[in-house]
Amino acid sequence: MNSHIPFRFGSEVYTWYMSGNGTTYAGRLSHMIDIISQAGFTGIQPIFSWMGALRDPYLLADKLKEQGLELAALSLALEWNGAEETAAERAEADQAIELLRHFPEAILCTVQIPTGRHDLAERQQNLINIVNAVSARATDQGIPCSFHPNSPHSSIIRTADDYRVVLEGLDASVTGWTPDVGHIINGEMDPLQKMQEYAHLINHMHYKDWDGTPEFALMGQGKVDFLTITQWLKDRQYSGWIVCEDEGKEALDDPDYVTLHDGRWITEELIPALK
């Protein structure tokens, strides 16, 4: 989008997943790639379990090349509720790692699917152990990793106390942290303050806006101070990806519009305002 900034902008596909709870656009990753490219983004972050035929690394590579996109990262979203991975969870993680072996530098972004805040301390420690184990296996294959907290009320990584426990339990030799600014503010924290506190872990970024009514807003129409956050990243010479994962209500009906809006907003408003 701009050669004078050290980072690159990409798009997640959860914006489409919101429509019909994953049913409306199931199997249509090719369409999402077309729209993300049209929006002016240079990278994409698919959800591994929702890739359809493009889980084939050769088909994926061909489609990305067609639209001039890079695989910025891959979301591996699993429940991870036990003391260790289930056999099915380990198999899914290892398949994601195998796909990423075909895309050097693309990040394995681990995300826990929220299922409640019961047995909190035990389950947080289990999550730490599992993320560290998955990341260690990926790192052994030369794949960079990053952990993505989220903020539903059923998430065990929602609050400032949760962040302290989980982020300080991550093995920084094998995994970094993906601050999602919308999830951070939704958990009643200041995104920039939290990023400054754990700056040494940041190796990937997610942008979504938030207005608290009840949660997320279309990019640029909420209360997240994207300009200050992005300027801080620029000043630090952050050179990774900033991936937009817009969860504004408009995505329920028209995720194409949301993605195209985000690309224009970043290009026409956010980037020109940077110093």
Protein backbone atom coordinates (compact mmCIF):
# COMPACT_ATOMS: atom_id res chain seq x y z
CA MET A 1 0.00 0.00 0.00
CA ASN A 2 2.96 2.34 0.63
CA SER A 3 6.66 1.74 0.14
CA HIS A 4 7.63 4.27 2.83
CA ILE A 5 6.29 2.29 5.78
CA PRO A 6 8.16 -0.68 7.27
CA PHE A 7 5.12 -2.96 7.65
CA ARG A 8 2.59 -4.45 5.26
CA PHE A 9 -1.19 -4.63 5.47
CA GLY A 10 -3.19 -7.81 4.99
CA SER A 11 -6.71 -9.07 5.63
CA GLU A 12 -8.12 -11.92 7.69
CA VAL A 13 -11.09 -13.93 6.41
CA TYR A 14 -13.15 -13.95 9.63
CA THR A 15 -15.06 -10.99 8.18
CA TRP A 16 -16.66 -13.48 5.77
CA TYR A 17 -17.03 -16.16 8.44
CA MET A 18 -19.44 -13.86 10.31
CA SER A 19 -21.99 -14.21 7.50
CA GLY A 20 -24.20 -17.17 8.27
CA ASN A 21 -21.83 -18.35 11.01
CA GLY A 22 -19.42 -19.70 8.45
CA THR A 23 -21.97 -21.14 6.04
CA THR A 24 -22.56 -18.37 3.48
CA TYR A 25 -18.98 -18.27 2.19
CA ALA A 26 -17.90 -21.81 3.00
CA GLY A 27 -15.49 -23.12 0.37
CA ARG A 28 -15.11 -19.67 -1.22
CA LEU A 29 -11.58 -18.72 -0.18
CA SER A 30 -10.80 -18.01 -3.84
CA HIS A 31 -13.45 -15.28 -3.80
CA MET A 32 -12.02 -13.80 -0.60
CA ILE A 33 -8.56 -13.68 -2.17
CA ASP A 34 -10.01 -11.78 -5.15
CA ILE A 35 -11.68 -9.17 -2.92
CA ILE A 36 -8.67 -8.78 -0.61
CA SER A 37 -6.47 -8.08 -3.63
CA GLN A 38 -9.04 -5.66 -5.05
CA ALA A 39 -9.04 -3.82 -1.70
CA GLY A 40 -5.33 -3.13 -2.08
CA PHE A 41 -4.05 -5.46 0.61
CA THR A 42 -0.89 -7.41 -0.09
CA GLY A 43 -1.43 -10.37 2.25
CA ILE A 44 -4.08 -12.71 3.56
CA GLN A 45 -4.59 -14.71 6.75
CA PRO A 46 -6.97 -17.64 6.18
CA ILE A 47 -8.51 -19.83 8.88
CA PHE A 48 -7.01 -23.29 8.43
CA SER A 49 -10.22 -25.22 9.15
CA TRP A 50 -12.15 -23.08 6.61
CA MET A 51 -9.92 -23.20 3.53
CA GLY A 52 -11.73 -25.83 1.49
CA ALA A 53 -9.82 -27.04 -1.56
CA LEU A 54 -7.15 -24.36 -1.02
CA ARG A 55 -5.74 -26.33 1.89
CA ASP A 56 -3.73 -27.83 -0.95
CA PRO A 57 -0.54 -25.73 -0.81
CA TYR A 58 -0.01 -25.84 -4.57
CA LEU A 59 -3.53 -24.67 -5.38
CA LEU A 60 -3.19 -21.96 -2.74
CA ALA A 61 0.15 -20.79 -4.09
CA ASP A 62 -1.26 -20.56 -7.62
CA LYS A 63 -4.28 -18.55 -6.51
CA LEU A 64 -2.20 -16.16 -4.40
CA LYS A 65 0.21 -15.62 -7.29
CA GLU A 66 -2.71 -14.90 -9.63
CA GLN A 67 -3.85 -12.04 -7.37
CA GLY A 68 -0.42 -10.83 -6.27
CA LEU A 69 -0.93 -11.70 -2.61
CA GLU A 70 1.31 -13.29 0.01
CA LEU A 71 0.27 -15.72 2.72
CA ALA A 72 0.87 -13.44 5.71
CA ALA A 73 -0.24 -15.95 8.32
CA LEU A 74 -2.51 -18.91 8.94
CA SER A 75 -5.03 -18.99 11.80
CA LEU A 76 -5.07 -22.29 13.69
CA ALA A 77 -8.18 -22.10 15.88
CA LEU A 78 -8.83 -25.02 18.24
CA GLU A 79 -10.47 -25.46 21.65
CA TRP A 80 -7.44 -26.88 23.51
CA ASN A 81 -9.42 -27.67 26.65
CA GLY A 82 -7.38 -30.59 27.92
CA ALA A 83 -4.08 -30.90 29.72
CA GLU A 84 -2.54 -31.58 26.33
CA GLU A 85 -3.63 -31.69 22.70
CA THR A 86 -6.16 -34.33 21.73
CA ALA A 87 -5.12 -36.64 18.92
CA ALA A 88 -7.42 -34.76 16.54
CA GLU A 89 -6.04 -31.38 17.62
CA ARG A 90 -2.46 -32.52 17.18
CA ALA A 91 -3.24 -33.90 13.73
CA GLU A 92 -4.88 -30.62 12.70
CA ALA A 93 -1.95 -28.57 14.01
CA ASP A 94 0.56 -30.78 12.23
CA GLN A 95 -1.36 -30.46 8.96
CA ALA A 96 -1.26 -26.66 9.33
CA ILE A 97 2.48 -26.82 9.98
CA GLU A 98 2.95 -28.98 6.89
CA LEU A 99 1.07 -26.46 4.74
CA LEU A 100 3.20 -23.60 6.08
CA ARG A 101 6.40 -25.42 5.12
CA HIS A 102 5.48 -24.38 1.56
CA PHE A 103 5.25 -20.67 2.51
CA PRO A 104 8.48 -19.47 4.11
CA GLU A 105 8.03 -16.60 6.60
CA ALA A 106 4.23 -16.98 6.88
CA ILE A 107 3.24 -17.08 10.54
CA LEU A 108 1.36 -19.83 12.37
CA CYS A 109 -1.14 -17.80 14.40
CA THR A 110 -2.62 -19.88 17.22
CA VAL A 111 -6.08 -18.94 18.52
CA GLN A 112 -8.11 -20.67 21.22
CA ILE A 113 -11.82 -21.11 20.49
CA PRO A 114 -13.53 -19.79 23.67
CA THR A 115 -15.64 -22.29 25.61
CA GLY A 116 -16.04 -20.69 29.07
CA ARG A 117 -14.08 -19.33 32.04
CA HIS A 118 -14.50 -22.35 34.35
CA ASP A 119 -11.38 -23.84 36.00
CA LEU A 120 -9.60 -20.70 34.87
CA ALA A 121 -6.12 -21.08 36.37
CA GLU A 122 -5.81 -24.74 35.34
CA ARG A 123 -7.06 -24.13 31.81
CA GLN A 124 -4.82 -21.11 31.33
CA GLN A 125 -1.79 -23.20 32.26
CA ASN A 126 -2.96 -25.95 29.91
CA LEU A 127 -3.30 -23.41 27.11
CA ILE A 128 0.19 -22.07 27.75
CA ASN A 129 1.65 -25.57 27.62
CA ILE A 130 -0.21 -26.48 24.43
CA VAL A 131 0.63 -23.25 22.57
CA ASN A 132 4.27 -23.64 23.55
CA ALA A 133 4.25 -27.26 22.34
CA VAL A 134 2.60 -26.45 19.00
CA SER A 135 4.93 -23.51 18.47
CA ALA A 136 7.98 -25.63 19.29
CA ARG A 137 7.00 -28.19 16.63
CA ALA A 138 6.45 -25.43 14.08
CA THR A 139 9.70 -23.68 14.98
CA ASP A 140 11.54 -26.94 14.42
CA GLN A 141 10.24 -26.73 10.82
CA GLY A 142 11.42 -23.12 10.45
CA ILE A 143 7.93 -21.62 10.85
CA PRO A 144 7.50 -18.43 12.93
CA CYS A 145 4.63 -18.50 15.43
CA SER A 146 2.41 -16.01 17.21
CA PHE A 147 -0.38 -16.35 19.78
CA HIS A 148 -3.63 -14.37 19.35
CA PRO A 149 -5.78 -13.71 22.46
CA ASN A 150 -9.48 -12.87 22.03
CA SER A 151 -12.20 -11.23 24.10
CA PRO A 152 -15.59 -12.99 24.16
CA HIS A 153 -16.95 -13.32 27.69
CA SER A 154 -16.29 -17.06 27.41
CA SER A 155 -12.57 -16.51 26.65
CA ILE A 156 -9.90 -17.37 29.21
CA ILE A 157 -7.62 -14.66 27.78
CA ARG A 158 -9.88 -11.61 28.02
CA THR A 159 -8.73 -9.42 30.94
CA ALA A 160 -5.50 -7.72 32.02
CA ASP A 161 -4.92 -10.50 34.58
CA ASP A 162 -5.45 -13.12 31.87
CA TYR A 163 -2.91 -11.39 29.61
CA ARG A 164 -0.34 -11.24 32.40
CA VAL A 165 -0.64 -14.96 33.11
CA VAL A 166 -0.73 -16.20 29.52
CA LEU A 167 1.69 -13.80 27.84
CA GLU A 168 4.26 -14.22 30.59
CA GLY A 169 3.88 -17.99 30.29
CA LEU A 170 4.62 -18.09 26.57
CA ASP A 171 8.00 -19.46 25.54
CA ALA A 172 9.36 -16.43 23.71
CA SER A 173 11.98 -18.58 22.02
CA VAL A 174 9.27 -20.28 19.94
CA THR A 175 6.28 -17.92 19.86
CA GLY A 176 5.45 -14.25 19.79
CA TRP A 177 2.22 -12.38 20.45
CA THR A 178 -0.40 -10.96 18.08
CA PRO A 179 -2.02 -7.94 19.73
CA ASP A 180 -5.56 -7.56 18.41
CA VAL A 181 -6.33 -3.96 19.29
CA GLY A 182 -10.10 -4.48 19.16
CA HIS A 183 -9.99 -7.46 21.49
CA ILE A 184 -7.67 -5.61 23.88
CA ILE A 185 -9.98 -2.62 24.24
CA ASN A 186 -12.99 -4.96 24.44
CA GLY A 187 -11.25 -6.53 27.46
CA GLU A 188 -11.15 -3.07 29.12
CA MET A 189 -7.46 -2.43 28.45
CA ASP A 190 -5.69 0.32 26.55
CA PRO A 191 -4.27 -1.27 23.37
CA LEU A 192 -1.14 0.87 23.12
CA GLN A 193 -0.30 0.54 26.81
CA LYS A 194 -0.60 -3.23 26.60
CA MET A 195 1.51 -3.31 23.43
CA GLN A 196 4.17 -1.20 25.10
CA GLU A 197 4.16 -3.50 28.13
CA TYR A 198 4.81 -6.62 26.04
CA ALA A 199 6.51 -5.02 23.04
CA HIS A 200 9.26 -7.65 23.04
CA LEU A 201 6.71 -10.33 22.11
CA ILE A 202 5.01 -8.59 19.18
CA ASN A 203 5.66 -10.27 15.83
CA HIS A 204 2.24 -9.93 14.17
CA MET A 205 -0.67 -7.47 14.46
CA HIS A 206 -4.45 -7.57 14.11
CA TYR A 207 -6.59 -4.45 13.62
CA LYS A 208 -10.30 -4.23 14.31
CA ASP A 209 -12.30 -1.26 15.58
CA TRP A 210 -14.55 -1.12 18.65
CA ASP A 211 -17.29 1.14 19.92
CA GLY A 212 -18.78 -0.90 22.77
CA THR A 213 -22.28 -1.09 21.28
CA PRO A 214 -21.98 -3.89 22.14
CA GLU A 215 -18.56 -4.57 20.71
CA PHE A 216 -16.94 -4.04 17.31
CA ALA A 217 -17.32 -1.33 14.67
CA LEU A 218 -16.43 -0.78 11.03
CA MET A 219 -12.77 0.22 10.67
CA GLY A 220 -12.28 3.91 11.43
CA GLN A 221 -15.76 4.38 12.90
CA GLY A 222 -15.04 3.25 16.46
CA LYS A 223 -12.88 4.32 19.39
CA VAL A 224 -9.56 2.60 18.66
CA ASP A 225 -6.80 5.17 18.13
CA PHE A 226 -5.31 3.56 15.04
CA LEU A 227 -3.20 6.56 14.13
CA THR A 228 -1.32 6.63 17.45
CA ILE A 229 -0.91 2.85 17.46
CA THR A 230 0.31 2.73 13.86
CA GLN A 231 2.66 5.67 14.41
CA TRP A 232 4.15 3.83 17.41
CA LEU A 233 4.70 0.74 15.26
CA LYS A 234 6.28 2.86 12.53
CA ASP A 235 8.57 4.62 15.01
CA ARG A 236 9.69 1.23 16.35
CA GLN A 237 10.38 0.07 12.79
CA TYR A 238 7.96 -2.82 13.19
CA SER A 239 8.39 -4.74 9.95
CA GLY A 240 5.76 -7.47 10.24
CA TRP A 241 2.18 -7.70 9.04
CA ILE A 242 -0.81 -5.65 10.18
CA VAL A 243 -3.82 -7.80 9.37
CA CYS A 244 -7.34 -6.33 9.38
CA GLU A 245 -9.95 -8.58 10.94
CA ASP A 246 -13.00 -6.36 10.76
CA GLU A 247 -15.96 -7.59 12.85
CA GLY A 248 -18.24 -4.61 12.30
CA LYS A 249 -21.93 -5.54 12.04
CA GLU A 250 -21.87 -4.67 8.33
CA ALA A 251 -19.92 -7.89 7.74
CA LEU A 252 -22.98 -9.95 8.61
CA ASP A 253 -24.59 -8.87 5.33
CA ASP A 254 -21.76 -7.66 3.10
CA PRO A 255 -18.22 -8.75 4.00
CA ASP A 256 -17.00 -7.77 0.52
CA TYR A 257 -18.02 -4.17 1.21
CA VAL A 258 -16.34 -4.21 4.63
CA THR A 259 -13.04 -5.46 3.20
CA LEU A 260 -13.06 -2.94 0.35
CA HIS A 261 -13.89 -0.17 2.83
CA ASP A 262 -10.98 -1.17 5.07
CA GLY A 263 -8.52 -1.11 2.20
CA ARG A 264 -9.65 2.36 1.15
CA TRP A 265 -9.62 3.67 4.73
CA ILE A 266 -6.07 2.48 5.32
CA THR A 267 -4.80 3.83 1.99
CA GLU A 268 -6.66 7.14 1.99
CA GLU A 269 -6.85 8.05 5.69
CA LEU A 270 -4.52 6.07 7.94
CA ILE A 271 -1.28 5.92 5.95
CA PRO A 272 -1.32 9.58 4.79
CA ALA A 273 -1.73 10.71 8.41
CA LEU A 274 1.48 8.99 9.56
CA LYS A 275 4.52 11.19 10.19
